[in-house]
Amino acid sequence: MNNQQFQQTMPHQRSLKGWGLLALYFVVAILIAFIAPHKDFIALYVNILASLSIIGGLFCLLIYLARQLNWPLPTFLQVPEKMRDSSWRLLALSFVAIAMPILLIFTRSVLLRQ
């Protein structure tokens, strides 16, 4: 009987899962950018970058919460305790990654309003 709690995966399966999650991340960000109103190509480009940043910031907030509550993380997100930055840096950078694109889009819409 196998006493391991989690089933071991082959390296190519982990790689495939990682690429799949990255592709899902990009697809969701691009869909959000196309749903957001835009008038020209530059606004679409800004929306794509902003949605990538906001989703990344939300993902980092989820990692921060999981570390604080001692939830198990997937192996590709596990970082040894001695190699981690301070937890406040992850929290601060997560908020910056969310707030800056929102501020950019808001400022752009206010300045370019006719």
Protein backbone atom coordinates (compact mmCIF):
# COMPACT_ATOMS: atom_id res chain seq x y z
CA MET A 1 0.00 0.00 0.00
CA ASN A 2 1.29 3.45 -0.90
CA ASN A 3 1.66 5.77 2.12
CA GLN A 4 2.18 8.92 0.09
CA GLN A 5 -0.52 11.52 0.53
CA PHE A 6 -0.26 12.89 -2.99
CA GLN A 7 0.27 10.94 -6.18
CA GLN A 8 3.63 11.62 -7.77
CA THR A 9 3.46 13.08 -11.27
CA MET A 10 5.96 12.74 -14.04
CA PRO A 11 8.04 15.84 -14.90
CA HIS A 12 6.43 16.20 -18.32
CA GLN A 13 2.96 16.08 -16.72
CA ARG A 14 3.92 18.88 -14.33
CA SER A 15 5.33 20.86 -17.24
CA LEU A 16 2.16 20.31 -19.24
CA LYS A 17 0.01 21.45 -16.31
CA GLY A 18 2.18 24.55 -15.86
CA TRP A 19 1.95 25.49 -19.53
CA GLY A 20 -1.79 24.88 -19.45
CA LEU A 21 -2.23 27.18 -16.46
CA LEU A 22 -0.09 29.86 -18.12
CA ALA A 23 -2.14 29.60 -21.30
CA LEU A 24 -5.36 29.86 -19.28
CA TYR A 25 -3.95 32.97 -17.55
CA PHE A 26 -3.23 34.64 -20.90
CA VAL A 27 -6.58 33.64 -22.43
CA VAL A 28 -8.54 35.01 -19.48
CA ALA A 29 -6.54 38.26 -19.51
CA ILE A 30 -7.10 38.74 -23.24
CA LEU A 31 -10.82 38.00 -22.94
CA ILE A 32 -11.14 40.54 -20.13
CA ALA A 33 -9.26 43.09 -22.23
CA PHE A 34 -11.57 42.56 -25.21
CA ILE A 35 -14.66 42.90 -23.01
CA ALA A 36 -13.42 46.20 -21.56
CA PRO A 37 -14.34 49.22 -23.69
CA HIS A 38 -11.60 50.48 -25.99
CA LYS A 39 -11.53 52.86 -28.92
CA ASP A 40 -8.21 52.11 -30.56
CA PHE A 41 -5.36 49.61 -30.65
CA ILE A 42 -3.34 51.36 -27.94
CA ALA A 43 -6.28 51.25 -25.53
CA LEU A 44 -6.69 47.53 -26.27
CA TYR A 45 -2.98 46.99 -25.60
CA VAL A 46 -3.24 48.89 -22.30
CA ASN A 47 -6.30 46.85 -21.34
CA ILE A 48 -4.46 43.58 -22.04
CA LEU A 49 -1.46 44.62 -19.93
CA ALA A 50 -3.72 45.92 -17.17
CA SER A 51 -5.75 42.72 -17.03
CA LEU A 52 -2.54 40.64 -16.93
CA SER A 53 -1.27 42.74 -14.05
CA ILE A 54 -4.54 42.68 -12.10
CA ILE A 55 -4.97 38.91 -12.46
CA GLY A 56 -1.32 38.42 -11.44
CA GLY A 57 -1.85 40.64 -8.39
CA LEU A 58 -4.93 38.68 -7.38
CA PHE A 59 -2.99 35.45 -7.80
CA CYS A 60 -0.22 36.79 -5.55
CA LEU A 61 -2.81 37.78 -2.94
CA LEU A 62 -4.11 34.23 -3.03
CA ILE A 63 -0.57 32.89 -2.51
CA TYR A 64 -0.07 35.31 0.39
CA LEU A 65 -3.32 34.18 1.99
CA ALA A 66 -2.42 30.51 1.51
CA ARG A 67 0.96 31.04 3.18
CA GLN A 68 -0.58 32.91 6.11
CA LEU A 69 -3.21 30.22 6.70
CA ASN A 70 -0.74 27.35 6.09
CA TRP A 71 -2.74 25.94 3.19
CA PRO A 72 -0.89 23.47 0.96
CA LEU A 73 0.43 24.98 -2.25
CA PRO A 74 1.22 23.16 -5.50
CA THR A 75 4.83 22.11 -5.83
CA PHE A 76 5.68 24.78 -8.39
CA LEU A 77 4.60 27.50 -5.92
CA GLN A 78 6.42 26.14 -2.89
CA VAL A 79 9.46 28.17 -1.90
CA PRO A 80 11.59 27.16 1.09
CA GLU A 81 11.10 29.39 4.13
CA LYS A 82 14.71 30.64 4.14
CA MET A 83 14.52 31.72 0.47
CA ARG A 84 11.27 33.72 0.78
CA ASP A 85 11.05 37.47 0.97
CA SER A 86 9.25 39.07 3.85
CA SER A 87 5.55 38.42 3.66
CA TRP A 88 4.79 42.15 3.65
CA ARG A 89 6.65 42.52 0.33
CA LEU A 90 4.42 39.99 -1.39
CA LEU A 91 1.36 41.73 0.03
CA ALA A 92 2.57 45.21 -0.95
CA LEU A 93 3.59 44.18 -4.46
CA SER A 94 0.25 42.42 -4.93
CA PHE A 95 -1.61 45.61 -4.08
CA VAL A 96 0.66 47.63 -6.37
CA ALA A 97 0.10 45.17 -9.23
CA ILE A 98 -3.65 45.64 -8.79
CA ALA A 99 -3.76 49.39 -8.11
CA MET A 100 -1.36 50.73 -10.75
CA PRO A 101 -3.24 49.51 -13.86
CA ILE A 102 -6.54 50.70 -12.40
CA LEU A 103 -4.97 54.11 -11.75
CA LEU A 104 -3.51 54.12 -15.27
CA ILE A 105 -6.84 53.30 -16.91
CA PHE A 106 -8.70 55.82 -14.76
CA THR A 107 -6.16 58.59 -15.49
CA ARG A 108 -6.17 57.81 -19.19
CA SER A 109 -9.96 57.91 -19.37
CA VAL A 110 -10.10 61.23 -17.48
CA LEU A 111 -7.40 62.88 -19.57
CA LEU A 112 -8.73 61.68 -22.93
CA ARG A 113 -12.39 62.41 -22.20
CA GLN A 114 -13.72 64.96 -24.67
